[in-house]
Amino acid sequence: MRITQTETGSADTLLRDKEVAAQLRVSVPTVWRRVKDGTIPRPLKIGSLSRWQQSDISAVIEAAKAQRAA
């Protein structure tokens, strides 16, 4: 995992698709399907690498919680 700085200056972990899948308890192909349908934001591209910020995945989880409560 790599660390990047967010706009607020705090460290934000970069996650691979396998790590995102593990956090969401879904398969890697499902992660990519959710990117395609807009449920999960597109990853950052670093050369040929695709990485998601932990804060983006946390926001997806929080949005799902809010939608469930509504």
N, C-alpha and C. Protein backbone atom coordinates (compact mmCIF):
# COMPACT_ATOMS: atom_id res chain seq x y z
N MET A 1 0.84 -1.18 0.00
CA MET A 1 0.00 0.00 0.00
C MET A 1 0.88 1.24 0.00
N ARG A 2 0.42 2.23 -0.70
CA ARG A 2 1.15 3.50 -0.73
C ARG A 2 0.32 4.55 -0.02
N ILE A 3 0.99 5.60 0.40
CA ILE A 3 0.34 6.69 1.11
C ILE A 3 0.41 7.94 0.26
N THR A 4 -0.68 8.68 0.21
CA THR A 4 -0.71 9.96 -0.49
C THR A 4 -1.26 11.01 0.47
N GLN A 5 -1.04 12.26 0.18
CA GLN A 5 -1.56 13.33 1.01
C GLN A 5 -2.87 13.83 0.44
N THR A 6 -3.86 13.99 1.30
CA THR A 6 -5.13 14.55 0.86
C THR A 6 -5.05 16.07 0.91
N GLU A 7 -6.08 16.72 0.42
CA GLU A 7 -6.11 18.18 0.43
C GLU A 7 -6.05 18.75 1.84
N THR A 8 -6.52 17.98 2.82
CA THR A 8 -6.48 18.46 4.20
C THR A 8 -5.14 18.20 4.85
N GLY A 9 -4.24 17.50 4.13
CA GLY A 9 -2.92 17.26 4.65
C GLY A 9 -2.77 15.94 5.39
N SER A 10 -3.86 15.19 5.57
CA SER A 10 -3.76 13.90 6.27
C SER A 10 -3.40 12.81 5.27
N ALA A 11 -2.77 11.76 5.76
CA ALA A 11 -2.36 10.65 4.90
C ALA A 11 -3.58 9.84 4.47
N ASP A 12 -3.59 9.38 3.23
CA ASP A 12 -4.68 8.59 2.68
C ASP A 12 -4.06 7.38 1.98
N THR A 13 -4.40 6.19 2.42
CA THR A 13 -3.85 4.96 1.86
C THR A 13 -4.41 4.72 0.46
N LEU A 14 -3.56 4.25 -0.43
CA LEU A 14 -3.99 3.85 -1.76
C LEU A 14 -4.19 2.34 -1.78
N LEU A 15 -5.33 1.91 -2.32
CA LEU A 15 -5.72 0.51 -2.29
C LEU A 15 -5.75 -0.09 -3.69
N ARG A 16 -5.34 -1.35 -3.80
CA ARG A 16 -5.47 -2.11 -5.05
C ARG A 16 -6.89 -2.64 -5.16
N ASP A 17 -7.25 -3.12 -6.35
CA ASP A 17 -8.61 -3.64 -6.53
C ASP A 17 -8.90 -4.82 -5.60
N LYS A 18 -7.91 -5.65 -5.34
CA LYS A 18 -8.11 -6.78 -4.42
C LYS A 18 -8.42 -6.29 -3.00
N GLU A 19 -7.77 -5.20 -2.59
CA GLU A 19 -8.00 -4.66 -1.25
C GLU A 19 -9.38 -4.01 -1.15
N VAL A 20 -9.79 -3.32 -2.22
CA VAL A 20 -11.14 -2.74 -2.26
C VAL A 20 -12.17 -3.86 -2.18
N ALA A 21 -11.96 -4.91 -2.96
CA ALA A 21 -12.89 -6.04 -2.96
C ALA A 21 -12.98 -6.66 -1.56
N ALA A 22 -11.86 -6.79 -0.89
CA ALA A 22 -11.86 -7.38 0.45
C ALA A 22 -12.63 -6.50 1.44
N GLN A 23 -12.46 -5.19 1.34
CA GLN A 23 -13.18 -4.28 2.24
C GLN A 23 -14.68 -4.33 2.02
N LEU A 24 -15.08 -4.45 0.77
CA LEU A 24 -16.50 -4.46 0.44
C LEU A 24 -17.09 -5.86 0.44
N ARG A 25 -16.24 -6.87 0.64
CA ARG A 25 -16.67 -8.28 0.67
C ARG A 25 -17.34 -8.68 -0.65
N VAL A 26 -16.70 -8.29 -1.76
CA VAL A 26 -17.16 -8.65 -3.10
C VAL A 26 -15.96 -9.16 -3.89
N SER A 27 -16.21 -9.69 -5.07
CA SER A 27 -15.13 -10.15 -5.93
C SER A 27 -14.49 -8.97 -6.65
N VAL A 28 -13.28 -9.20 -7.17
CA VAL A 28 -12.60 -8.16 -7.94
C VAL A 28 -13.41 -7.78 -9.19
N PRO A 29 -13.96 -8.75 -9.93
CA PRO A 29 -14.80 -8.35 -11.08
C PRO A 29 -15.99 -7.48 -10.67
N THR A 30 -16.55 -7.73 -9.50
CA THR A 30 -17.67 -6.89 -9.03
C THR A 30 -17.20 -5.47 -8.76
N VAL A 31 -15.99 -5.30 -8.24
CA VAL A 31 -15.45 -3.94 -8.04
C VAL A 31 -15.45 -3.21 -9.38
N TRP A 32 -14.93 -3.87 -10.42
CA TRP A 32 -14.86 -3.22 -11.72
C TRP A 32 -16.24 -2.97 -12.33
N ARG A 33 -17.20 -3.87 -12.08
CA ARG A 33 -18.57 -3.61 -12.54
C ARG A 33 -19.15 -2.38 -11.85
N ARG A 34 -18.87 -2.23 -10.57
CA ARG A 34 -19.38 -1.07 -9.81
C ARG A 34 -18.69 0.22 -10.25
N VAL A 35 -17.45 0.13 -10.68
CA VAL A 35 -16.79 1.31 -11.26
C VAL A 35 -17.51 1.68 -12.56
N LYS A 36 -17.78 0.68 -13.37
CA LYS A 36 -18.44 0.93 -14.66
C LYS A 36 -19.82 1.55 -14.47
N ASP A 37 -20.58 1.08 -13.45
CA ASP A 37 -21.93 1.64 -13.25
C ASP A 37 -21.95 2.88 -12.36
N GLY A 38 -20.77 3.32 -11.88
CA GLY A 38 -20.69 4.56 -11.13
C GLY A 38 -20.88 4.44 -9.63
N THR A 39 -21.08 3.23 -9.13
CA THR A 39 -21.26 3.04 -7.69
C THR A 39 -19.97 3.29 -6.93
N ILE A 40 -18.86 2.87 -7.52
CA ILE A 40 -17.53 3.10 -6.96
C ILE A 40 -16.82 4.08 -7.90
N PRO A 41 -16.14 5.10 -7.34
CA PRO A 41 -15.45 6.06 -8.21
C PRO A 41 -14.32 5.41 -9.01
N ARG A 42 -14.00 6.02 -10.14
CA ARG A 42 -12.90 5.53 -10.95
C ARG A 42 -11.60 5.65 -10.15
N PRO A 43 -10.68 4.71 -10.35
CA PRO A 43 -9.43 4.75 -9.60
C PRO A 43 -8.48 5.82 -10.13
N LEU A 44 -7.52 6.16 -9.30
CA LEU A 44 -6.41 6.98 -9.74
C LEU A 44 -5.54 6.12 -10.64
N LYS A 45 -5.01 6.68 -11.70
CA LYS A 45 -4.11 5.93 -12.56
C LYS A 45 -2.69 6.44 -12.32
N ILE A 46 -1.79 5.52 -12.01
CA ILE A 46 -0.38 5.82 -11.82
C ILE A 46 0.35 4.92 -12.80
N GLY A 47 0.64 5.46 -13.96
CA GLY A 47 1.16 4.63 -15.03
C GLY A 47 0.09 3.63 -15.42
N SER A 48 0.42 2.35 -15.35
CA SER A 48 -0.57 1.32 -15.66
C SER A 48 -1.30 0.81 -14.42
N LEU A 49 -0.96 1.37 -13.25
CA LEU A 49 -1.57 0.94 -12.00
C LEU A 49 -2.89 1.66 -11.75
N SER A 50 -3.83 0.96 -11.14
CA SER A 50 -5.10 1.54 -10.73
C SER A 50 -5.16 1.47 -9.21
N ARG A 51 -5.39 2.61 -8.56
CA ARG A 51 -5.44 2.65 -7.10
C ARG A 51 -6.58 3.55 -6.65
N TRP A 52 -7.23 3.14 -5.56
CA TRP A 52 -8.31 3.93 -4.97
C TRP A 52 -7.84 4.50 -3.65
N GLN A 53 -8.25 5.71 -3.37
CA GLN A 53 -7.96 6.29 -2.06
C GLN A 53 -8.90 5.68 -1.04
N GLN A 54 -8.36 5.37 0.14
CA GLN A 54 -9.17 4.80 1.21
C GLN A 54 -10.36 5.70 1.51
N SER A 55 -10.16 7.00 1.46
CA SER A 55 -11.25 7.93 1.77
C SER A 55 -12.39 7.80 0.75
N ASP A 56 -12.08 7.51 -0.51
CA ASP A 56 -13.13 7.32 -1.53
C ASP A 56 -13.96 6.07 -1.23
N ILE A 57 -13.29 5.00 -0.81
CA ILE A 57 -14.01 3.76 -0.50
C ILE A 57 -14.82 3.94 0.77
N SER A 58 -14.26 4.64 1.74
CA SER A 58 -15.02 4.93 2.97
C SER A 58 -16.27 5.74 2.65
N ALA A 59 -16.15 6.68 1.70
CA ALA A 59 -17.30 7.49 1.30
C ALA A 59 -18.38 6.64 0.63
N VAL A 60 -17.97 5.64 -0.16
CA VAL A 60 -18.93 4.72 -0.79
C VAL A 60 -19.70 3.97 0.29
N ILE A 61 -18.98 3.50 1.30
CA ILE A 61 -19.62 2.76 2.39
C ILE A 61 -20.58 3.67 3.16
N GLU A 62 -20.16 4.89 3.46
CA GLU A 62 -21.02 5.82 4.19
C GLU A 62 -22.26 6.19 3.39
N ALA A 63 -22.10 6.36 2.07
CA ALA A 63 -23.25 6.67 1.21
C ALA A 63 -24.26 5.52 1.21
N ALA A 64 -23.74 4.28 1.20
CA ALA A 64 -24.63 3.12 1.25
C ALA A 64 -25.37 3.06 2.57
N LYS A 65 -24.68 3.40 3.65
CA LYS A 65 -25.33 3.43 4.97
C LYS A 65 -26.43 4.49 5.00
N ALA A 66 -26.15 5.66 4.45
CA ALA A 66 -27.14 6.75 4.44
C ALA A 66 -28.35 6.37 3.59
N GLN A 67 -28.09 5.72 2.47
CA GLN A 67 -29.19 5.31 1.58
C GLN A 67 -30.05 4.25 2.27
N ARG A 68 -29.44 3.36 3.02
CA ARG A 68 -30.17 2.33 3.74
C ARG A 68 -31.06 2.94 4.82
N ALA A 69 -30.54 3.99 5.47
CA ALA A 69 -31.29 4.64 6.56
C ALA A 69 -32.42 5.51 6.03
N ALA A 70 -32.35 5.90 4.77
CA ALA A 70 -33.38 6.79 4.21
C ALA A 70 -34.66 6.07 3.88
